[in-house]
Amino acid sequence: MQSLNSEIEGEAILIFLTRFALLARYRRAGLASAEDLYRRRVTRILVEEFPTYFAIVTQVRRDSELLGEVGGVINSMVEPRVEAVVPRGAFRKNVRLSLQVTV
């Protein structure tokens, strides 16, 4: 049992040191921080071994509102500076209006 615990601790230390070395390398290379990547909607994937297959699955973000005769505003959750303004009287009945922004 003792050797199993020390083996697990050894692996955890190795993983920590590998990640620490990679982060230091990214900083020296001038690569973006995790916060910068998140704002630009970029995901960094680090693997110890390159897999045979690599799938990237994304989902489109769509903001929608139910608007009627009174009109309204739809703001994008992806890019806060984007909005759609619908004036009063543009619709005669309730309509679900969707806004999709690609950054």
PDB file of N, CA and C in Angstrom:
ATOM      1  N   MET A   1       0.823  -1.192   0.000  1.00  0.00           N
ATOM      2  CA  MET A   1       0.000   0.000   0.000  1.00  0.00           C
ATOM      3  C   MET A   1       0.870   1.259   0.000  1.00  0.00           C
ATOM      4  N   GLN A   2       1.966   1.199   0.754  1.00  0.00           N
ATOM      5  CA  GLN A   2       2.866   2.346   0.840  1.00  0.00           C
ATOM      6  C   GLN A   2       3.465   2.669  -0.525  1.00  0.00           C
ATOM      7  N   SER A   3       3.856   1.627  -1.289  1.00  0.00           N
ATOM      8  CA  SER A   3       4.459   1.879  -2.608  1.00  0.00           C
ATOM      9  C   SER A   3       3.431   2.449  -3.574  1.00  0.00           C
ATOM     10  N   LEU A   4       2.171   2.038  -3.459  1.00  0.00           N
ATOM     11  CA  LEU A   4       1.117   2.578  -4.313  1.00  0.00           C
ATOM     12  C   LEU A   4       0.920   4.058  -4.028  1.00  0.00           C
ATOM     13  N   ASN A   5       0.878   4.443  -2.749  1.00  0.00           N
ATOM     14  CA  ASN A   5       0.723   5.853  -2.390  1.00  0.00           C
ATOM     15  C   ASN A   5       1.898   6.682  -2.891  1.00  0.00           C
ATOM     16  N   SER A   6       3.107   6.183  -2.735  1.00  0.00           N
ATOM     17  CA  SER A   6       4.272   6.937  -3.197  1.00  0.00           C
ATOM     18  C   SER A   6       4.293   7.026  -4.714  1.00  0.00           C
ATOM     19  N   GLU A   7       3.789   5.988  -5.397  1.00  0.00           N
ATOM     20  CA  GLU A   7       3.714   6.024  -6.865  1.00  0.00           C
ATOM     21  C   GLU A   7       2.704   7.073  -7.321  1.00  0.00           C
ATOM     22  N   ILE A   8       1.562   7.154  -6.665  1.00  0.00           N
ATOM     23  CA  ILE A   8       0.537   8.149  -6.983  1.00  0.00           C
ATOM     24  C   ILE A   8       1.063   9.547  -6.706  1.00  0.00           C
ATOM     25  N   GLU A   9       1.738   9.720  -5.569  1.00  0.00           N
ATOM     26  CA  GLU A   9       2.322  11.029  -5.252  1.00  0.00           C
ATOM     27  C   GLU A   9       3.371  11.414  -6.278  1.00  0.00           C
ATOM     28  N   GLY A  10       4.166  10.451  -6.712  1.00  0.00           N
ATOM     29  CA  GLY A  10       5.184  10.711  -7.728  1.00  0.00           C
ATOM     30  C   GLY A  10       4.568  11.164  -9.038  1.00  0.00           C
ATOM     31  N   GLU A  11       3.474  10.519  -9.458  1.00  0.00           N
ATOM     32  CA  GLU A  11       2.779  10.919 -10.681  1.00  0.00           C
ATOM     33  C   GLU A  11       2.197  12.319 -10.542  1.00  0.00           C
ATOM     34  N   ALA A  12       1.607  12.616  -9.387  1.00  0.00           N
ATOM     35  CA  ALA A  12       1.022  13.943  -9.166  1.00  0.00           C
ATOM     36  C   ALA A  12       2.097  15.019  -9.228  1.00  0.00           C
ATOM     37  N   ILE A  13       3.258  14.742  -8.642  1.00  0.00           N
ATOM     38  CA  ILE A  13       4.358  15.716  -8.685  1.00  0.00           C
ATOM     39  C   ILE A  13       4.845  15.891 -10.107  1.00  0.00           C
ATOM     40  N   LEU A  14       4.952  14.800 -10.862  1.00  0.00           N
ATOM     41  CA  LEU A  14       5.395  14.877 -12.255  1.00  0.00           C
ATOM     42  C   LEU A  14       4.425  15.700 -13.097  1.00  0.00           C
ATOM     43  N   ILE A  15       3.119  15.485 -12.895  1.00  0.00           N
ATOM     44  CA  ILE A  15       2.107  16.256 -13.632  1.00  0.00           C
ATOM     45  C   ILE A  15       2.208  17.731 -13.273  1.00  0.00           C
ATOM     46  N   PHE A  16       2.364  18.034 -11.984  1.00  0.00           N
ATOM     47  CA  PHE A  16       2.495  19.421 -11.543  1.00  0.00           C
ATOM     48  C   PHE A  16       3.718  20.074 -12.173  1.00  0.00           C
ATOM     49  N   LEU A  17       4.863  19.397 -12.135  1.00  0.00           N
ATOM     50  CA  LEU A  17       6.089  19.965 -12.695  1.00  0.00           C
ATOM     51  C   LEU A  17       5.983  20.157 -14.207  1.00  0.00           C
ATOM     52  N   THR A  18       5.323  19.227 -14.888  1.00  0.00           N
ATOM     53  CA  THR A  18       5.133  19.359 -16.337  1.00  0.00           C
ATOM     54  C   THR A  18       4.283  20.581 -16.651  1.00  0.00           C
ATOM     55  N   ARG A  19       3.190  20.753 -15.930  1.00  0.00           N
ATOM     56  CA  ARG A  19       2.319  21.915 -16.162  1.00  0.00           C
ATOM     57  C   ARG A  19       3.032  23.210 -15.824  1.00  0.00           C
ATOM     58  N   PHE A  20       3.812  23.206 -14.739  1.00  0.00           N
ATOM     59  CA  PHE A  20       4.568  24.391 -14.354  1.00  0.00           C
ATOM     60  C   PHE A  20       5.574  24.757 -15.442  1.00  0.00           C
ATOM     61  N   ALA A  21       6.274  23.767 -15.972  1.00  0.00           N
ATOM     62  CA  ALA A  21       7.258  24.017 -17.036  1.00  0.00           C
ATOM     63  C   ALA A  21       6.580  24.543 -18.296  1.00  0.00           C
ATOM     64  N   LEU A  22       5.409  23.981 -18.636  1.00  0.00           N
ATOM     65  CA  LEU A  22       4.695  24.450 -19.830  1.00  0.00           C
ATOM     66  C   LEU A  22       4.229  25.895 -19.664  1.00  0.00           C
ATOM     67  N   LEU A  23       3.703  26.219 -18.484  1.00  0.00           N
ATOM     68  CA  LEU A  23       3.255  27.593 -18.249  1.00  0.00           C
ATOM     69  C   LEU A  23       4.419  28.573 -18.324  1.00  0.00           C
ATOM     70  N   ALA A  24       5.563  28.190 -17.760  1.00  0.00           N
ATOM     71  CA  ALA A  24       6.738  29.059 -17.833  1.00  0.00           C
ATOM     72  C   ALA A  24       7.179  29.229 -19.278  1.00  0.00           C
ATOM     73  N   ARG A  25       7.099  28.168 -20.044  1.00  0.00           N
ATOM     74  CA  ARG A  25       7.475  28.235 -21.470  1.00  0.00           C
ATOM     75  C   ARG A  25       6.528  29.148 -22.241  1.00  0.00           C
ATOM     76  N   TYR A  26       5.229  29.067 -21.949  1.00  0.00           N
ATOM     77  CA  TYR A  26       4.252  29.946 -22.605  1.00  0.00           C
ATOM     78  C   TYR A  26       4.522  31.404 -22.279  1.00  0.00           C
ATOM     79  N   ARG A  27       4.855  31.678 -21.017  1.00  0.00           N
ATOM     80  CA  ARG A  27       5.134  33.059 -20.626  1.00  0.00           C
ATOM     81  C   ARG A  27       6.367  33.598 -21.338  1.00  0.00           C
ATOM     82  N   ARG A  28       7.418  32.783 -21.422  1.00  0.00           N
ATOM     83  CA  ARG A  28       8.639  33.218 -22.111  1.00  0.00           C
ATOM     84  C   ARG A  28       8.381  33.447 -23.593  1.00  0.00           C
ATOM     85  N   ALA A  29       7.507  32.638 -24.184  1.00  0.00           N
ATOM     86  CA  ALA A  29       7.215  32.756 -25.613  1.00  0.00           C
ATOM     87  C   ALA A  29       6.263  33.914 -25.892  1.00  0.00           C
ATOM     88  N   GLY A  30       5.712  34.532 -24.841  1.00  0.00           N
ATOM     89  CA  GLY A  30       4.797  35.658 -25.030  1.00  0.00           C
ATOM     90  C   GLY A  30       3.400  35.242 -25.440  1.00  0.00           C
ATOM     91  N   LEU A  31       3.030  33.998 -25.170  1.00  0.00           N
ATOM     92  CA  LEU A  31       1.678  33.545 -25.514  1.00  0.00           C
ATOM     93  C   LEU A  31       0.674  34.150 -24.549  1.00  0.00           C
ATOM     94  N   ALA A  32      -0.559  34.201 -24.977  1.00  0.00           N
ATOM     95  CA  ALA A  32      -1.629  34.847 -24.204  1.00  0.00           C
ATOM     96  C   ALA A  32      -1.914  34.088 -22.915  1.00  0.00           C
ATOM     97  N   SER A  33      -2.373  34.829 -21.924  1.00  0.00           N
ATOM     98  CA  SER A  33      -2.772  34.217 -20.662  1.00  0.00           C
ATOM     99  C   SER A  33      -4.124  33.536 -20.831  1.00  0.00           C
ATOM    100  N   ALA A  34      -4.485  32.744 -19.848  1.00  0.00           N
ATOM    101  CA  ALA A  34      -5.765  32.029 -19.899  1.00  0.00           C
ATOM    102  C   ALA A  34      -6.933  32.999 -19.974  1.00  0.00           C
ATOM    103  N   GLU A  35      -6.829  34.141 -19.284  1.00  0.00           N
ATOM    104  CA  GLU A  35      -7.917  35.130 -19.310  1.00  0.00           C
ATOM    105  C   GLU A  35      -8.055  35.743 -20.705  1.00  0.00           C
ATOM    106  N   ASP A  36      -6.931  36.052 -21.347  1.00  0.00           N
ATOM    107  CA  ASP A  36      -6.980  36.606 -22.706  1.00  0.00           C
ATOM    108  C   ASP A  36      -7.606  35.607 -23.668  1.00  0.00           C
ATOM    109  N   LEU A  37      -7.219  34.351 -23.535  1.00  0.00           N
ATOM    110  CA  LEU A  37      -7.770  33.322 -24.413  1.00  0.00           C
ATOM    111  C   LEU A  37      -9.266  33.169 -24.185  1.00  0.00           C
ATOM    112  N   TYR A  38      -9.704  33.241 -22.931  1.00  0.00           N
ATOM    113  CA  TYR A  38     -11.134  33.108 -22.637  1.00  0.00           C
ATOM    114  C   TYR A  38     -11.928  34.247 -23.274  1.00  0.00           C
ATOM    115  N   ARG A  39     -11.401  35.470 -23.187  1.00  0.00           N
ATOM    116  CA  ARG A  39     -12.102  36.606 -23.795  1.00  0.00           C
ATOM    117  C   ARG A  39     -12.187  36.456 -25.311  1.00  0.00           C
ATOM    118  N   ARG A  40     -11.166  35.859 -25.919  1.00  0.00           N
ATOM    119  CA  ARG A  40     -11.179  35.669 -27.368  1.00  0.00           C
ATOM    120  C   ARG A  40     -11.845  34.357 -27.763  1.00  0.00           C
ATOM    121  N   ARG A  41     -12.401  33.649 -26.782  1.00  0.00           N
ATOM    122  CA  ARG A  41     -13.085  32.366 -26.990  1.00  0.00           C
ATOM    123  C   ARG A  41     -12.154  31.332 -27.611  1.00  0.00           C
ATOM    124  N   VAL A  42     -10.941  31.246 -27.072  1.00  0.00           N
ATOM    125  CA  VAL A  42      -9.955  30.267 -27.513  1.00  0.00           C
ATOM    126  C   VAL A  42      -9.718  29.301 -26.367  1.00  0.00           C
ATOM    127  N   THR A  43      -9.647  28.032 -26.680  1.00  0.00           N
ATOM    128  CA  THR A  43      -9.377  27.021 -25.672  1.00  0.00           C
ATOM    129  C   THR A  43      -8.039  26.364 -25.975  1.00  0.00           C
ATOM    130  N   ARG A  44      -7.181  26.338 -24.991  1.00  0.00           N
ATOM    131  CA  ARG A  44      -5.868  25.696 -25.134  1.00  0.00           C
ATOM    132  C   ARG A  44      -5.997  24.288 -24.564  1.00  0.00           C
ATOM    133  N   ILE A  45      -5.602  23.296 -25.360  1.00  0.00           N
ATOM    134  CA  ILE A  45      -5.688  21.901 -24.939  1.00  0.00           C
ATOM    135  C   ILE A  45      -4.266  21.352 -24.854  1.00  0.00           C
ATOM    136  N   LEU A  46      -3.890  20.896 -23.671  1.00  0.00           N
ATOM    137  CA  LEU A  46      -2.565  20.314 -23.471  1.00  0.00           C
ATOM    138  C   LEU A  46      -2.722  18.811 -23.270  1.00  0.00           C
ATOM    139  N   VAL A  47      -1.968  18.033 -24.022  1.00  0.00           N
ATOM    140  CA  VAL A  47      -2.014  16.585 -23.880  1.00  0.00           C
ATOM    141  C   VAL A  47      -0.590  16.069 -23.727  1.00  0.00           C
ATOM    142  N   GLU A  48      -0.445  14.978 -23.002  1.00  0.00           N
ATOM    143  CA  GLU A  48       0.870  14.375 -22.838  1.00  0.00           C
ATOM    144  C   GLU A  48       1.235  13.517 -24.039  1.00  0.00           C
ATOM    145  N   GLU A  49       0.237  12.898 -24.658  1.00  0.00           N
ATOM    146  CA  GLU A  49       0.449  12.098 -25.861  1.00  0.00           C
ATOM    147  C   GLU A  49      -0.564  12.558 -26.898  1.00  0.00           C
ATOM    148  N   PHE A  50      -0.129  12.705 -28.141  1.00  0.00           N
ATOM    149  CA  PHE A  50      -1.045  13.158 -29.178  1.00  0.00           C
ATOM    150  C   PHE A  50      -1.952  11.997 -29.572  1.00  0.00           C
ATOM    151  N   PRO A  51      -3.262  12.190 -29.501  1.00  0.00           N
ATOM    152  CA  PRO A  51      -4.189  11.094 -29.810  1.00  0.00           C
ATOM    153  C   PRO A  51      -4.286  10.840 -31.314  1.00  0.00           C
ATOM    154  N   THR A  52      -4.788   9.676 -31.651  1.00  0.00           N
ATOM    155  CA  THR A  52      -5.000   9.333 -33.056  1.00  0.00           C
ATOM    156  C   THR A  52      -6.085  10.210 -33.660  1.00  0.00           C
ATOM    157  N   TYR A  53      -7.161  10.425 -32.916  1.00  0.00           N
ATOM    158  CA  TYR A  53      -8.264  11.261 -33.372  1.00  0.00           C
ATOM    159  C   TYR A  53      -8.457  12.398 -32.378  1.00  0.00           C
ATOM    160  N   PHE A  54      -8.806  13.534 -32.913  1.00  0.00           N
ATOM    161  CA  PHE A  54      -9.026  14.703 -32.065  1.00  0.00           C
ATOM    162  C   PHE A  54     -10.275  15.401 -32.581  1.00  0.00           C
ATOM    163  N   ALA A  55     -11.331  15.463 -31.791  1.00  0.00           N
ATOM    164  CA  ALA A  55     -12.588  16.076 -32.220  1.00  0.00           C
ATOM    165  C   ALA A  55     -12.818  17.371 -31.456  1.00  0.00           C
ATOM    166  N   ILE A  56     -13.167  18.405 -32.181  1.00  0.00           N
ATOM    167  CA  ILE A  56     -13.523  19.675 -31.561  1.00  0.00           C
ATOM    168  C   ILE A  56     -14.992  19.932 -31.868  1.00  0.00           C
ATOM    169  N   VAL A  57     -15.781  20.029 -30.824  1.00  0.00           N
ATOM    170  CA  VAL A  57     -17.222  20.213 -30.971  1.00  0.00           C
ATOM    171  C   VAL A  57     -17.570  21.587 -30.407  1.00  0.00           C
ATOM    172  N   THR A  58     -18.271  22.378 -31.184  1.00  0.00           N
ATOM    173  CA  THR A  58     -18.656  23.705 -30.728  1.00  0.00           C
ATOM    174  C   THR A  58     -20.168  23.839 -30.762  1.00  0.00           C
ATOM    175  N   GLN A  59     -20.651  24.813 -30.057  1.00  0.00           N
ATOM    176  CA  GLN A  59     -22.079  25.086 -30.038  1.00  0.00           C
ATOM    177  C   GLN A  59     -22.273  26.575 -30.314  1.00  0.00           C
ATOM    178  N   VAL A  60     -23.160  26.872 -31.219  1.00  0.00           N
ATOM    179  CA  VAL A  60     -23.449  28.260 -31.571  1.00  0.00           C
ATOM    180  C   VAL A  60     -24.243  28.896 -30.448  1.00  0.00           C
ATOM    181  N   ARG A  61     -23.835  30.085 -30.044  1.00  0.00           N
ATOM    182  CA  ARG A  61     -24.569  30.838 -29.022  1.00  0.00           C
ATOM    183  C   ARG A  61     -25.584  31.722 -29.730  1.00  0.00           C
ATOM    184  N   ARG A  62     -26.825  31.563 -29.372  1.00  0.00           N
ATOM    185  CA  ARG A  62     -27.883  32.357 -29.976  1.00  0.00           C
ATOM    186  C   ARG A  62     -28.710  32.974 -28.863  1.00  0.00           C
ATOM    187  N   ASP A  63     -28.836  34.281 -28.919  1.00  0.00           N
ATOM    188  CA  ASP A  63     -29.656  34.988 -27.946  1.00  0.00           C
ATOM    189  C   ASP A  63     -31.011  35.264 -28.584  1.00  0.00           C
ATOM    190  N   SER A  64     -32.086  35.022 -27.851  1.00  0.00           N
ATOM    191  CA  SER A  64     -33.402  35.264 -28.425  1.00  0.00           C
ATOM    192  C   SER A  64     -34.334  35.862 -27.379  1.00  0.00           C
ATOM    193  N   GLU A  65     -35.261  36.621 -27.877  1.00  0.00           N
ATOM    194  CA  GLU A  65     -36.266  37.280 -27.033  1.00  0.00           C
ATOM    195  C   GLU A  65     -37.614  37.191 -27.736  1.00  0.00           C
ATOM    196  N   LEU A  66     -38.659  37.163 -26.958  1.00  0.00           N
ATOM    197  CA  LEU A  66     -40.004  37.213 -27.499  1.00  0.00           C
ATOM    198  C   LEU A  66     -40.422  38.686 -27.516  1.00  0.00           C
ATOM    199  N   LEU A  67     -40.602  39.225 -28.711  1.00  0.00           N
ATOM    200  CA  LEU A  67     -40.950  40.637 -28.864  1.00  0.00           C
ATOM    201  C   LEU A  67     -42.341  40.765 -29.461  1.00  0.00           C
ATOM    202  N   GLY A  68     -43.029  41.812 -29.085  1.00  0.00           N
ATOM    203  CA  GLY A  68     -44.375  42.053 -29.593  1.00  0.00           C
ATOM    204  C   GLY A  68     -44.507  43.448 -30.168  1.00  0.00           C
ATOM    205  N   GLU A  69     -45.707  43.996 -30.087  1.00  0.00           N
ATOM    206  CA  GLU A  69     -45.983  45.324 -30.660  1.00  0.00           C
ATOM    207  C   GLU A  69     -45.183  46.438 -30.000  1.00  0.00           C
ATOM    208  N   VAL A  70     -44.778  46.242 -28.746  1.00  0.00           N
ATOM    209  CA  VAL A  70     -44.057  47.302 -28.038  1.00  0.00           C
ATOM    210  C   VAL A  70     -42.586  47.378 -28.436  1.00  0.00           C
ATOM    211  N   GLY A  71     -42.087  46.367 -29.170  1.00  0.00           N
ATOM    212  CA  GLY A  71     -40.688  46.373 -29.590  1.00  0.00           C
ATOM    213  C   GLY A  71     -39.774  45.938 -28.468  1.00  0.00           C
ATOM    214  N   GLY A  72     -38.500  46.269 -28.605  1.00  0.00           N
ATOM    215  CA  GLY A  72     -37.553  45.900 -27.551  1.00  0.00           C
ATOM    216  C   GLY A  72     -36.130  45.869 -28.063  1.00  0.00           C
ATOM    217  N   VAL A  73     -35.239  45.389 -27.211  1.00  0.00           N
ATOM    218  CA  VAL A  73     -33.813  45.322 -27.519  1.00  0.00           C
ATOM    219  C   VAL A  73     -33.300  43.929 -27.170  1.00  0.00           C
ATOM    220  N   ILE A  74     -32.479  43.364 -28.060  1.00  0.00           N
ATOM    221  CA  ILE A  74     -31.804  42.094 -27.785  1.00  0.00           C
ATOM    222  C   ILE A  74     -30.314  42.394 -27.732  1.00  0.00           C
ATOM    223  N   ASN A  75     -29.671  42.028 -26.627  1.00  0.00           N
ATOM    224  CA  ASN A  75     -28.229  42.203 -26.480  1.00  0.00           C
ATOM    225  C   ASN A  75     -27.548  40.851 -26.626  1.00  0.00           C
ATOM    226  N   SER A  76     -26.379  40.847 -27.262  1.00  0.00           N
ATOM    227  CA  SER A  76     -25.616  39.624 -27.443  1.00  0.00           C
ATOM    228  C   SER A  76     -24.844  39.290 -26.179  1.00  0.00           C
ATOM    229  N   MET A  77     -24.870  38.027 -25.801  1.00  0.00           N
ATOM    230  CA  MET A  77     -24.068  37.568 -24.660  1.00  0.00           C
ATOM    231  C   MET A  77     -22.630  37.327 -25.097  1.00  0.00           C
ATOM    232  N   VAL A  78     -22.408  37.056 -26.391  1.00  0.00           N
ATOM    233  CA  VAL A  78     -21.069  36.796 -26.912  1.00  0.00           C
ATOM    234  C   VAL A  78     -20.273  38.089 -27.018  1.00  0.00           C
ATOM    235  N   GLU A  79     -20.893  39.097 -27.588  1.00  0.00           N
ATOM    236  CA  GLU A  79     -20.243  40.400 -27.775  1.00  0.00           C
ATOM    237  C   GLU A  79     -21.193  41.474 -27.258  1.00  0.00           C
ATOM    238  N   PRO A  80     -20.959  42.000 -26.060  1.00  0.00           N
ATOM    239  CA  PRO A  80     -21.895  42.938 -25.432  1.00  0.00           C
ATOM    240  C   PRO A  80     -22.136  44.222 -26.230  1.00  0.00           C
ATOM    241  N   ARG A  81     -21.235  44.566 -27.144  1.00  0.00           N
ATOM    242  CA  ARG A  81     -21.424  45.791 -27.931  1.00  0.00           C
ATOM    243  C   ARG A  81     -22.453  45.619 -29.048  1.00  0.00           C
ATOM    244  N   VAL A  82     -22.895  44.392 -29.292  1.00  0.00           N
ATOM    245  CA  VAL A  82     -23.854  44.120 -30.371  1.00  0.00           C
ATOM    246  C   VAL A  82     -25.256  44.043 -29.781  1.00  0.00           C
ATOM    247  N   GLU A  83     -26.169  44.779 -30.395  1.00  0.00           N
ATOM    248  CA  GLU A  83     -27.564  44.728 -29.971  1.00  0.00           C
ATOM    249  C   GLU A  83     -28.468  44.947 -31.176  1.00  0.00           C
ATOM    250  N   ALA A  84     -29.664  44.405 -31.085  1.00  0.00           N
ATOM    251  CA  ALA A  84     -30.677  44.605 -32.121  1.00  0.00           C
ATOM    252  C   ALA A  84     -31.826  45.377 -31.483  1.00  0.00           C
ATOM    253  N   VAL A  85     -32.166  46.512 -32.074  1.00  0.00           N
ATOM    254  CA  VAL A  85     -33.235  47.358 -31.554  1.00  0.00           C
ATOM    255  C   VAL A  85     -34.430  47.236 -32.482  1.00  0.00           C
ATOM    256  N   VAL A  86     -35.566  46.866 -31.914  1.00  0.00           N
ATOM    257  CA  VAL A  86     -36.800  46.736 -32.683  1.00  0.00           C
ATOM    258  C   VAL A  86     -37.742  47.845 -32.223  1.00  0.00           C
ATOM    259  N   PRO A  87     -38.126  48.745 -33.128  1.00  0.00           N
ATOM    260  CA  PRO A  87     -38.992  49.866 -32.730  1.00  0.00           C
ATOM    261  C   PRO A  87     -40.425  49.417 -32.445  1.00  0.00           C
ATOM    262  N   ARG A  88     -41.122  50.243 -31.698  1.00  0.00           N
ATOM    263  CA  ARG A  88     -42.536  49.993 -31.375  1.00  0.00           C
ATOM    264  C   ARG A  88     -43.337  49.894 -32.680  1.00  0.00           C
ATOM    265  N   GLY A  89     -44.199  48.891 -32.748  1.00  0.00           N
ATOM    266  CA  GLY A  89     -45.074  48.710 -33.903  1.00  0.00           C
ATOM    267  C   GLY A  89     -44.441  47.947 -35.062  1.00  0.00           C
ATOM    268  N   ALA A  90     -43.208  47.466 -34.915  1.00  0.00           N
ATOM    269  CA  ALA A  90     -42.568  46.710 -35.998  1.00  0.00           C
ATOM    270  C   ALA A  90     -43.238  45.357 -36.205  1.00  0.00           C
ATOM    271  N   PHE A  91     -43.772  44.773 -35.132  1.00  0.00           N
ATOM    272  CA  PHE A  91     -44.473  43.491 -35.218  1.00  0.00           C
ATOM    273  C   PHE A  91     -45.914  43.679 -34.781  1.00  0.00           C
ATOM    274  N   ARG A  92     -46.812  42.913 -35.395  1.00  0.00           N
ATOM    275  CA  ARG A  92     -48.220  42.975 -35.014  1.00  0.00           C
ATOM    276  C   ARG A  92     -48.592  41.901 -34.010  1.00  0.00           C
ATOM    277  N   LYS A  93     -47.769  40.866 -33.926  1.00  0.00           N
ATOM    278  CA  LYS A  93     -47.995  39.808 -32.939  1.00  0.00           C
ATOM    279  C   LYS A  93     -46.650  39.442 -32.325  1.00  0.00           C
ATOM    280  N   ASN A  94     -46.681  38.605 -31.292  1.00  0.00           N
ATOM    281  CA  ASN A  94     -45.440  38.198 -30.638  1.00  0.00           C
ATOM    282  C   ASN A  94     -44.584  37.350 -31.574  1.00  0.00           C
ATOM    283  N   VAL A  95     -43.313  37.690 -31.659  1.00  0.00           N
ATOM    284  CA  VAL A  95     -42.369  36.995 -32.537  1.00  0.00           C
ATOM    285  C   VAL A  95     -41.104  36.709 -31.734  1.00  0.00           C
ATOM    286  N   ARG A  96     -40.563  35.499 -31.854  1.00  0.00           N
ATOM    287  CA  ARG A  96     -39.287  35.188 -31.211  1.00  0.00           C
ATOM    288  C   ARG A  96     -38.184  35.624 -32.177  1.00  0.00           C
ATOM    289  N   LEU A  97     -37.419  36.603 -31.753  1.00  0.00           N
ATOM    290  CA  LEU A  97     -36.335  37.158 -32.574  1.00  0.00           C
ATOM    291  C   LEU A  97     -35.010  36.668 -31.997  1.00  0.00           C
ATOM    292  N   SER A  98     -34.154  36.117 -32.863  1.00  0.00           N
ATOM    293  CA  SER A  98     -32.872  35.574 -32.432  1.00  0.00           C
ATOM    294  C   SER A  98     -31.731  36.406 -32.980  1.00  0.00           C
ATOM    295  N   LEU A  99     -30.658  36.475 -32.209  1.00  0.00           N
ATOM    296  CA  LEU A  99     -29.469  37.218 -32.595  1.00  0.00           C
ATOM    297  C   LEU A  99     -28.283  36.276 -32.443  1.00  0.00           C
ATOM    298  N   GLN A 100     -27.535  36.095 -33.542  1.00  0.00           N
ATOM    299  CA  GLN A 100     -26.381  35.208 -33.528  1.00  0.00           C
ATOM    300  C   GLN A 100     -25.159  36.006 -33.966  1.00  0.00           C
ATOM    301  N   VAL A 101     -24.125  36.025 -33.142  1.00  0.00           N
ATOM    302  CA  VAL A 101     -22.929  36.833 -33.419  1.00  0.00           C
ATOM    303  C   VAL A 101     -21.738  35.899 -33.542  1.00  0.00           C
ATOM    304  N   THR A 102     -20.959  36.075 -34.593  1.00  0.00           N
ATOM    305  CA  THR A 102     -19.714  35.337 -34.776  1.00  0.00           C
ATOM    306  C   THR A 102     -18.566  36.299 -34.581  1.00  0.00           C
ATOM    307  N   VAL A 103     -17.697  35.977 -33.641  1.00  0.00           N
ATOM    308  CA  VAL A 103     -16.566  36.856 -33.349  1.00  0.00           C
ATOM    309  C   VAL A 103     -15.326  36.338 -34.028  1.00  0.00           C
TER     310      VAL A 103
END
